[in-house]
C-alpha atoms as a PDB file:
ATOM      1  CA  UNK A   1     -12.592   4.201  -1.438  1.00  0.00           C
ATOM      2  CA  UNK A   2     -16.392   3.659  -2.802  1.00  0.00           C
ATOM      3  CA  UNK A   3     -15.647   0.040  -2.513  1.00  0.00           C
ATOM      4  CA  UNK A   4     -14.685   0.063   0.967  1.00  0.00           C
ATOM      5  CA  UNK A   5     -17.389   2.134   2.238  1.00  0.00           C
ATOM      6  CA  UNK A   6     -20.041  -0.043   0.408  1.00  0.00           C
ATOM      7  CA  UNK A   7     -18.196  -3.288   2.425  1.00  0.00           C
ATOM      8  CA  UNK A   8     -18.575  -1.266   5.712  1.00  0.00           C
ATOM      9  CA  UNK A   9     -22.169  -0.269   5.203  1.00  0.00           C
ATOM     10  CA  UNK A  10     -22.907  -4.070   4.218  1.00  0.00           C
ATOM     11  CA  UNK A  11     -21.208  -5.441   7.377  1.00  0.00           C
ATOM     12  CA  UNK A  12     -23.257  -2.834   9.706  1.00  0.00           C
ATOM     13  CA  UNK A  13     -26.419  -3.748   8.142  1.00  0.00           C
ATOM     14  CA  UNK A  14     -25.465  -7.607   8.537  1.00  0.00           C
ATOM     15  CA  UNK A  15     -24.745  -6.690  12.252  1.00  0.00           C
ATOM     16  CA  UNK A  16     -27.883  -4.856  12.977  1.00  0.00           C
ATOM     17  CA  UNK A  17     -29.947  -7.706  11.290  1.00  0.00           C
ATOM     18  CA  UNK A  18     -28.189 -10.262  13.632  1.00  0.00           C
ATOM     19  CA  UNK A  19     -28.713  -8.108  16.613  1.00  0.00           C
ATOM     20  CA  UNK A  20     -32.515  -7.699  15.773  1.00  0.00           C
ATOM     21  CA  UNK A  21     -32.798 -11.424  15.367  1.00  0.00           C
ATOM     22  CA  UNK A  22     -31.278 -12.283  18.667  1.00  0.00           C
ATOM     23  CA  UNK A  23     -34.007 -10.265  20.296  1.00  0.00           C
ATOM     24  CA  UNK A  24     -36.801 -12.336  18.175  1.00  0.00           C
ATOM     25  CA  UNK A  25     -38.832 -14.481  20.678  1.00  0.00           C
ATOM     26  CA  UNK A  26     -40.372 -17.661  19.501  1.00  0.00           C
ATOM     27  CA  UNK A  27     -43.987 -17.252  20.597  1.00  0.00           C
ATOM     28  CA  UNK A  28     -45.540 -20.211  18.777  1.00  0.00           C
ATOM     29  CA  UNK A  29     -44.878 -23.135  20.989  1.00  0.00           C
ATOM     30  CA  UNK A  30     -45.322 -27.068  21.006  1.00  0.00           C
ATOM     31  CA  UNK A  31     -47.158 -28.571  23.903  1.00  0.00           C
ATOM     32  CA  UNK A  32     -43.944 -29.431  25.694  1.00  0.00           C
ATOM     33  CA  UNK A  33     -42.594 -25.995  25.275  1.00  0.00           C
ATOM     34  CA  UNK A  34     -45.690 -24.488  26.200  1.00  0.00           C
ATOM     35  CA  UNK A  35     -45.564 -26.324  29.379  1.00  0.00           C
ATOM     36  CA  UNK A  36     -42.043 -25.695  30.179  1.00  0.00           C
ATOM     37  CA  UNK A  37     -42.389 -22.078  29.477  1.00  0.00           C
ATOM     38  CA  UNK A  38     -45.217 -21.862  31.987  1.00  0.00           C
ATOM     39  CA  UNK A  39     -43.143 -23.483  34.604  1.00  0.00           C
ATOM     40  CA  UNK A  40     -40.116 -21.090  33.752  1.00  0.00           C
ATOM     41  CA  UNK A  41     -41.764 -17.857  33.925  1.00  0.00           C
ATOM     42  CA  UNK A  42     -44.423 -18.844  36.392  1.00  0.00           C
ATOM     43  CA  UNK A  43     -47.056 -16.885  34.735  1.00  0.00           C
ATOM     44  CA  UNK A  44     -50.528 -16.605  36.304  1.00  0.00           C
ATOM     45  CA  UNK A  45     -51.705 -15.086  33.000  1.00  0.00           C
ATOM     46  CA  UNK A  46     -52.846 -18.403  31.079  1.00  0.00           C
ATOM     47  CA  UNK A  47     -55.925 -17.752  28.908  1.00  0.00           C
ATOM     48  CA  UNK A  48     -58.288 -20.288  27.600  1.00  0.00           C
ATOM     49  CA  UNK A  49     -60.180 -18.834  24.795  1.00  0.00           C
ATOM     50  CA  UNK A  50     -62.663 -21.639  24.077  1.00  0.00           C
ATOM     51  CA  UNK A  51     -66.321 -21.606  25.396  1.00  0.00           C
ATOM     52  CA  UNK A  52     -67.196 -22.141  29.035  1.00  0.00           C
ATOM     53  CA  UNK A  53     -68.397 -25.883  28.273  1.00  0.00           C
ATOM     54  CA  UNK A  54     -65.343 -26.837  26.527  1.00  0.00           C
ATOM     55  CA  UNK A  55     -63.113 -25.146  29.571  1.00  0.00           C
ATOM     56  CA  UNK A  56     -65.267 -27.209  32.223  1.00  0.00           C
ATOM     57  CA  UNK A  57     -64.598 -30.344  30.225  1.00  0.00           C
ATOM     58  CA  UNK A  58     -60.812 -29.999  30.479  1.00  0.00           C
ATOM     59  CA  UNK A  59     -58.381 -27.055  30.788  1.00  0.00           C
ATOM     60  CA  UNK A  60     -54.833 -26.379  31.656  1.00  0.00           C
ATOM     61  CA  UNK A  61     -54.180 -25.882  35.486  1.00  0.00           C
ATOM     62  CA  UNK A  62     -54.456 -22.363  36.366  1.00  0.00           C
ATOM     63  CA  UNK A  63     -56.072 -20.941  33.123  1.00  0.00           C
ATOM     64  CA  UNK A  64     -58.770 -18.626  33.176  1.00  0.00           C
ATOM     65  CA  UNK A  65     -61.660 -18.654  30.768  1.00  0.00           C
ATOM     66  CA  UNK A  66     -62.033 -15.740  28.269  1.00  0.00           C
ATOM     67  CA  UNK A  67     -64.305 -16.860  25.328  1.00  0.00           C
ATOM     68  CA  UNK A  68     -62.985 -15.395  22.079  1.00  0.00           C
ATOM     69  CA  UNK A  69     -66.371 -15.504  20.670  1.00  0.00           C
ATOM     70  CA  UNK A  70     -67.860 -14.102  23.840  1.00  0.00           C
ATOM     71  CA  UNK A  71     -69.212 -10.337  24.028  1.00  0.00           C
ATOM     72  CA  UNK A  72     -66.696  -9.510  26.846  1.00  0.00           C
ATOM     73  CA  UNK A  73     -63.423 -10.676  25.648  1.00  0.00           C
ATOM     74  CA  UNK A  74     -61.866  -6.982  25.057  1.00  0.00           C
ATOM     75  CA  UNK A  75     -63.093  -6.024  28.513  1.00  0.00           C
ATOM     76  CA  UNK A  76     -61.532  -9.239  30.109  1.00  0.00           C
ATOM     77  CA  UNK A  77     -58.067  -8.876  28.614  1.00  0.00           C
ATOM     78  CA  UNK A  78     -58.159  -5.153  29.758  1.00  0.00           C
ATOM     79  CA  UNK A  79     -57.724  -6.671  33.073  1.00  0.00           C
ATOM     80  CA  UNK A  80     -54.487  -8.169  32.456  1.00  0.00           C
ATOM     81  CA  UNK A  81     -50.936  -6.993  32.803  1.00  0.00           C
ATOM     82  CA  UNK A  82     -49.701  -5.961  29.161  1.00  0.00           C
ATOM     83  CA  UNK A  83     -46.016  -5.880  30.365  1.00  0.00           C
ATOM     84  CA  UNK A  84     -46.127  -9.512  31.551  1.00  0.00           C
ATOM     85  CA  UNK A  85     -46.147 -12.548  29.336  1.00  0.00           C
ATOM     86  CA  UNK A  86     -49.351 -14.274  28.765  1.00  0.00           C
ATOM     87  CA  UNK A  87     -50.042 -17.588  27.502  1.00  0.00           C
ATOM     88  CA  UNK A  88     -52.935 -18.297  24.880  1.00  0.00           C
ATOM     89  CA  UNK A  89     -54.620 -21.559  23.724  1.00  0.00           C
ATOM     90  CA  UNK A  90     -57.702 -23.034  22.399  1.00  0.00           C
ATOM     91  CA  UNK A  91     -58.831 -26.369  20.806  1.00  0.00           C
ATOM     92  CA  UNK A  92     -56.466 -26.610  17.863  1.00  0.00           C
ATOM     93  CA  UNK A  93     -54.963 -23.034  17.515  1.00  0.00           C
ATOM     94  CA  UNK A  94     -57.424 -21.185  15.251  1.00  0.00           C
ATOM     95  CA  UNK A  95     -59.017 -18.869  17.922  1.00  0.00           C
ATOM     96  CA  UNK A  96     -56.185 -18.714  19.962  1.00  0.00           C
ATOM     97  CA  UNK A  97     -54.253 -17.199  17.063  1.00  0.00           C
ATOM     98  CA  UNK A  98     -56.747 -14.518  16.348  1.00  0.00           C
ATOM     99  CA  UNK A  99     -57.032 -13.913  20.017  1.00  0.00           C
ATOM    100  CA  UNK A 100     -53.107 -13.454  20.310  1.00  0.00           C
ATOM    101  CA  UNK A 101     -52.931 -11.101  17.387  1.00  0.00           C
ATOM    102  CA  UNK A 102     -55.515  -8.826  18.976  1.00  0.00           C
ATOM    103  CA  UNK A 103     -53.826  -8.899  22.069  1.00  0.00           C
ATOM    104  CA  UNK A 104     -50.678  -7.746  20.565  1.00  0.00           C
ATOM    105  CA  UNK A 105     -52.526  -5.056  18.562  1.00  0.00           C
ATOM    106  CA  UNK A 106     -53.538  -3.574  21.880  1.00  0.00           C
ATOM    107  CA  UNK A 107     -50.194  -3.591  23.409  1.00  0.00           C
ATOM    108  CA  UNK A 108     -49.247  -6.937  24.904  1.00  0.00           C
ATOM    109  CA  UNK A 109     -45.713  -7.220  24.925  1.00  0.00           C
ATOM    110  CA  UNK A 110     -45.343 -11.187  24.837  1.00  0.00           C
ATOM    111  CA  UNK A 111     -47.955 -13.417  23.821  1.00  0.00           C
ATOM    112  CA  UNK A 112     -47.349 -17.209  23.553  1.00  0.00           C
ATOM    113  CA  UNK A 113     -49.578 -19.559  21.670  1.00  0.00           C
ATOM    114  CA  UNK A 114     -50.225 -23.250  22.180  1.00  0.00           C
ATOM    115  CA  UNK A 115     -49.642 -24.644  18.654  1.00  0.00           C
ATOM    116  CA  UNK A 116     -52.428 -26.907  17.643  1.00  0.00           C
ATOM    117  CA  UNK A 117     -54.228 -25.998  20.892  1.00  0.00           C
ATOM    118  CA  UNK A 118     -55.171 -28.258  23.923  1.00  0.00           C
ATOM    119  CA  UNK A 119     -55.666 -31.440  21.585  1.00  0.00           C
ATOM    120  CA  UNK A 120     -51.805 -31.444  21.236  1.00  0.00           C
ATOM    121  CA  UNK A 121     -51.614 -30.805  24.951  1.00  0.00           C
ATOM    122  CA  UNK A 122     -53.656 -33.952  25.486  1.00  0.00           C
ATOM    123  CA  UNK A 123     -51.776 -35.903  22.769  1.00  0.00           C
ATOM    124  CA  UNK A 124     -48.415 -35.023  24.769  1.00  0.00           C
ATOM    125  CA  UNK A 125     -50.161 -36.611  27.823  1.00  0.00           C
ATOM    126  CA  UNK A 126     -49.748 -33.417  29.784  1.00  0.00           C
ATOM    127  CA  UNK A 127     -51.847 -32.810  32.964  1.00  0.00           C
ATOM    128  CA  UNK A 128     -55.097 -31.116  32.872  1.00  0.00           C
ATOM    129  CA  UNK A 129     -57.909 -30.353  35.072  1.00  0.00           C
ATOM    130  CA  UNK A 130     -61.822 -30.289  34.930  1.00  0.00           C
ATOM    131  CA  UNK A 131     -64.671 -28.629  36.577  1.00  0.00           C
ATOM    132  CA  UNK A 132     -66.819 -32.094  36.014  1.00  0.00           C
ATOM    133  CA  UNK A 133     -66.601 -35.323  37.719  1.00  0.00           C
ATOM    134  CA  UNK A 134     -64.883 -37.860  35.812  1.00  0.00           C
ATOM    135  CA  UNK A 135     -66.956 -39.782  33.025  1.00  0.00           C
ATOM    136  CA  UNK A 136     -67.661 -43.545  34.302  1.00  0.00           C
ATOM    137  CA  UNK A 137     -69.073 -44.093  30.776  1.00  0.00           C
ATOM    138  CA  UNK A 138     -66.014 -43.304  28.803  1.00  0.00           C
ATOM    139  CA  UNK A 139     -65.148 -45.779  26.074  1.00  0.00           C
ATOM    140  CA  UNK A 140     -62.146 -47.786  26.990  1.00  0.00           C
ATOM    141  CA  UNK A 141     -59.551 -48.886  24.220  1.00  0.00           C
ATOM    142  CA  UNK A 142     -60.889 -52.505  24.623  1.00  0.00           C
ATOM    143  CA  UNK A 143     -64.249 -51.242  23.930  1.00  0.00           C
ATOM    144  CA  UNK A 144     -63.154 -49.250  21.178  1.00  0.00           C
ATOM    145  CA  UNK A 145     -61.504 -52.319  19.686  1.00  0.00           C
ATOM    146  CA  UNK A 146     -64.782 -54.400  19.860  1.00  0.00           C
ATOM    147  CA  UNK A 147     -66.528 -51.648  17.782  1.00  0.00           C
ATOM    148  CA  UNK A 148     -64.319 -52.716  14.977  1.00  0.00           C
ATOM    149  CA  UNK A 149     -65.282 -56.377  14.877  1.00  0.00           C
ATOM    150  CA  UNK A 150     -67.216 -56.250  11.716  1.00  0.00           C
ATOM    151  CA  UNK A 151     -67.345 -57.580   8.291  1.00  0.00           C
ATOM    152  CA  UNK A 152     -68.252 -54.106   6.977  1.00  0.00           C
ATOM    153  CA  UNK A 153     -65.824 -51.244   7.101  1.00  0.00           C
ATOM    154  CA  UNK A 154     -66.042 -48.928   9.921  1.00  0.00           C
ATOM    155  CA  UNK A 155     -66.052 -45.261  10.032  1.00  0.00           C
ATOM    156  CA  UNK A 156     -65.253 -43.419  13.149  1.00  0.00           C
ATOM    157  CA  UNK A 157     -65.987 -39.865  13.662  1.00  0.00           C
ATOM    158  CA  UNK A 158     -64.547 -38.152  16.625  1.00  0.00           C
ATOM    159  CA  UNK A 159     -66.697 -34.855  17.025  1.00  0.00           C
ATOM    160  CA  UNK A 160     -67.816 -32.392  19.797  1.00  0.00           C
ATOM    161  CA  UNK A 161     -71.099 -30.641  20.363  1.00  0.00           C
ATOM    162  CA  UNK A 162     -69.538 -27.344  19.995  1.00  0.00           C
ATOM    163  CA  UNK A 163     -67.294 -27.964  16.936  1.00  0.00           C
ATOM    164  CA  UNK A 164     -69.022 -26.196  13.892  1.00  0.00           C
ATOM    165  CA  UNK A 165     -67.171 -28.285  11.329  1.00  0.00           C
ATOM    166  CA  UNK A 166     -68.434 -31.594  12.992  1.00  0.00           C
ATOM    167  CA  UNK A 167     -71.922 -30.115  12.888  1.00  0.00           C
ATOM    168  CA  UNK A 168     -71.462 -29.154   9.359  1.00  0.00           C
ATOM    169  CA  UNK A 169     -70.081 -32.890   8.386  1.00  0.00           C
ATOM    170  CA  UNK A 170     -73.041 -34.647  10.575  1.00  0.00           C
ATOM    171  CA  UNK A 171     -76.026 -34.543   7.921  1.00  0.00           C
ATOM    172  CA  UNK A 172     -73.969 -36.294   5.294  1.00  0.00           C
ATOM    173  CA  UNK A 173     -72.378 -38.747   7.525  1.00  0.00           C
ATOM    174  CA  UNK A 174     -75.705 -39.631   8.427  1.00  0.00           C
ATOM    175  CA  UNK A 175     -76.569 -39.965   4.826  1.00  0.00           C
ATOM    176  CA  UNK A 176     -73.523 -42.054   4.194  1.00  0.00           C
ATOM    177  CA  UNK A 177     -74.615 -44.426   7.215  1.00  0.00           C
ATOM    178  CA  UNK A 178     -78.073 -45.139   5.119  1.00  0.00           C
ATOM    179  CA  UNK A 179     -76.956 -45.054   1.623  1.00  0.00           C
ATOM    180  CA  UNK A 180     -73.920 -47.443   2.333  1.00  0.00           C
ATOM    181  CA  UNK A 181     -75.318 -49.435   5.247  1.00  0.00           C
ATOM    182  CA  UNK A 182     -74.454 -52.591   3.282  1.00  0.00           C
ATOM    183  CA  UNK A 183     -70.534 -51.578   3.132  1.00  0.00           C
ATOM    184  CA  UNK A 184     -69.902 -49.536   6.049  1.00  0.00           C
ATOM    185  CA  UNK A 185     -71.030 -48.731   9.726  1.00  0.00           C
ATOM    186  CA  UNK A 186     -70.643 -45.027  10.794  1.00  0.00           C
ATOM    187  CA  UNK A 187     -69.687 -44.614  14.485  1.00  0.00           C
ATOM    188  CA  UNK A 188     -69.657 -41.294  16.097  1.00  0.00           C
ATOM    189  CA  UNK A 189     -67.740 -40.735  19.298  1.00  0.00           C
ATOM    190  CA  UNK A 190     -67.846 -37.612  21.555  1.00  0.00           C
ATOM    191  CA  UNK A 191     -64.322 -36.448  22.000  1.00  0.00           C
ATOM    192  CA  UNK A 192     -65.138 -34.619  25.155  1.00  0.00           C
ATOM    193  CA  UNK A 193     -66.545 -37.533  26.851  1.00  0.00           C
ATOM    194  CA  UNK A 194     -63.673 -39.748  25.804  1.00  0.00           C
ATOM    195  CA  UNK A 195     -60.649 -37.656  26.173  1.00  0.00           C
ATOM    196  CA  UNK A 196     -58.251 -40.872  27.287  1.00  0.00           C
ATOM    197  CA  UNK A 197     -59.303 -42.610  24.015  1.00  0.00           C
ATOM    198  CA  UNK A 198     -58.567 -39.655  22.146  1.00  0.00           C
ATOM    199  CA  UNK A 199     -55.065 -39.394  23.575  1.00  0.00           C
ATOM    200  CA  UNK A 200     -54.678 -43.148  22.847  1.00  0.00           C
ATOM    201  CA  UNK A 201     -55.445 -42.824  19.209  1.00  0.00           C
ATOM    202  CA  UNK A 202     -53.642 -39.509  18.661  1.00  0.00           C
ATOM    203  CA  UNK A 203     -56.751 -37.588  18.010  1.00  0.00           C
ATOM    204  CA  UNK A 204     -55.207 -33.946  18.244  1.00  0.00           C
ATOM    205  CA  UNK A 205     -57.882 -31.888  16.341  1.00  0.00           C
ATOM    206  CA  UNK A 206     -61.640 -32.105  15.446  1.00  0.00           C
ATOM    207  CA  UNK A 207     -63.233 -33.390  13.381  1.00  0.00           C
ATOM    208  CA  UNK A 208     -61.339 -36.769  12.944  1.00  0.00           C
ATOM    209  CA  UNK A 209     -62.282 -39.685  10.752  1.00  0.00           C
ATOM    210  CA  UNK A 210     -60.846 -43.012  11.224  1.00  0.00           C
ATOM    211  CA  UNK A 211     -61.746 -45.765   8.590  1.00  0.00           C
ATOM    212  CA  UNK A 212     -61.076 -49.349   9.387  1.00  0.00           C
ATOM    213  CA  UNK A 213     -61.155 -52.521   7.245  1.00  0.00           C
ATOM    214  CA  UNK A 214     -60.856 -56.107   9.244  1.00  0.00           C
ATOM    215  CA  UNK A 215     -60.009 -54.064  12.552  1.00  0.00           C
ATOM    216  CA  UNK A 216     -57.018 -52.304  10.599  1.00  0.00           C
ATOM    217  CA  UNK A 217     -56.672 -48.580   9.965  1.00  0.00           C
ATOM    218  CA  UNK A 218     -56.713 -47.908   6.221  1.00  0.00           C
ATOM    219  CA  UNK A 219     -57.472 -44.062   5.940  1.00  0.00           C
ATOM    220  CA  UNK A 220     -57.783 -41.136   8.400  1.00  0.00           C
ATOM    221  CA  UNK A 221     -58.606 -37.442   8.004  1.00  0.00           C
ATOM    222  CA  UNK A 222     -58.300 -34.712  10.487  1.00  0.00           C
ATOM    223  CA  UNK A 223     -60.426 -31.490   9.951  1.00  0.00           C
ATOM    224  CA  UNK A 224     -63.477 -30.524   7.711  1.00  0.00           C
ATOM    225  CA  UNK A 225     -63.734 -32.570   4.428  1.00  0.00           C
ATOM    226  CA  UNK A 226     -66.493 -33.027   1.892  1.00  0.00           C
ATOM    227  CA  UNK A 227     -68.917 -36.138   1.273  1.00  0.00           C
ATOM    228  CA  UNK A 228     -67.470 -36.889  -2.046  1.00  0.00           C
ATOM    229  CA  UNK A 229     -63.835 -37.395  -0.717  1.00  0.00           C
ATOM    230  CA  UNK A 230     -65.222 -39.781   2.260  1.00  0.00           C
ATOM    231  CA  UNK A 231     -67.260 -41.785  -0.282  1.00  0.00           C
ATOM    232  CA  UNK A 232     -64.271 -42.132  -2.351  1.00  0.00           C
ATOM    233  CA  UNK A 233     -62.127 -43.443   0.287  1.00  0.00           C
ATOM    234  CA  UNK A 234     -64.889 -45.984   1.560  1.00  0.00           C
ATOM    235  CA  UNK A 235     -65.165 -47.004  -2.223  1.00  0.00           C
ATOM    236  CA  UNK A 236     -61.420 -47.436  -2.481  1.00  0.00           C
ATOM    237  CA  UNK A 237     -61.281 -49.283   0.619  1.00  0.00           C
ATOM    238  CA  UNK A 238     -64.089 -51.608  -0.255  1.00  0.00           C
ATOM    239  CA  UNK A 239     -62.225 -52.707  -3.642  1.00  0.00           C
ATOM    240  CA  UNK A 240     -58.844 -53.324  -1.939  1.00  0.00           C
END
């Protein structure tokens, strides 16, 4: 009898668990999923938590800019409807994750996050809008390829003015440019001013390093990396 009772209790727990899982909602979405969910729900609560400068350089249509690091974020989200879904994104997912966590803690029912941020949106070739006129000086792929025509190694650094890790890496990249000038050329490219090129090359986060030898890609790195590791990769490519 005790055995049968235990089986019944176990089955009940399994049913409860399955029922709970069926109610769970996937909230961390890929770029395509994020886009489709916006269309499906027809939400007007799309929040870009980057800086105003980043926002003006390109954002998802219909998004409003509530800077996560600004002084008014809490007051701004208080204006939103907590019972309706909210879509949140940033550059690569860090700030939007923090913002989404904050919003859930104050009572928002459903908060969708764009995995890997607007960089993944751009990599998926999804449309965005901008508050600025198009950049006529944007680097084309053919012009980029010409930069690689060198007897030396070519180290490409995709950066943005507002990107903290990019700023942290710049001093040592300048040092590498001087100290290893006989073996490598260091070229910095502003990602905000060259969005089409970023899409073409699959630059989905910043900073983003690409190392070329004889016009062929031999190494790449996304995110912050220290000087020693970069120098090691240059030495490795030089001796190949």
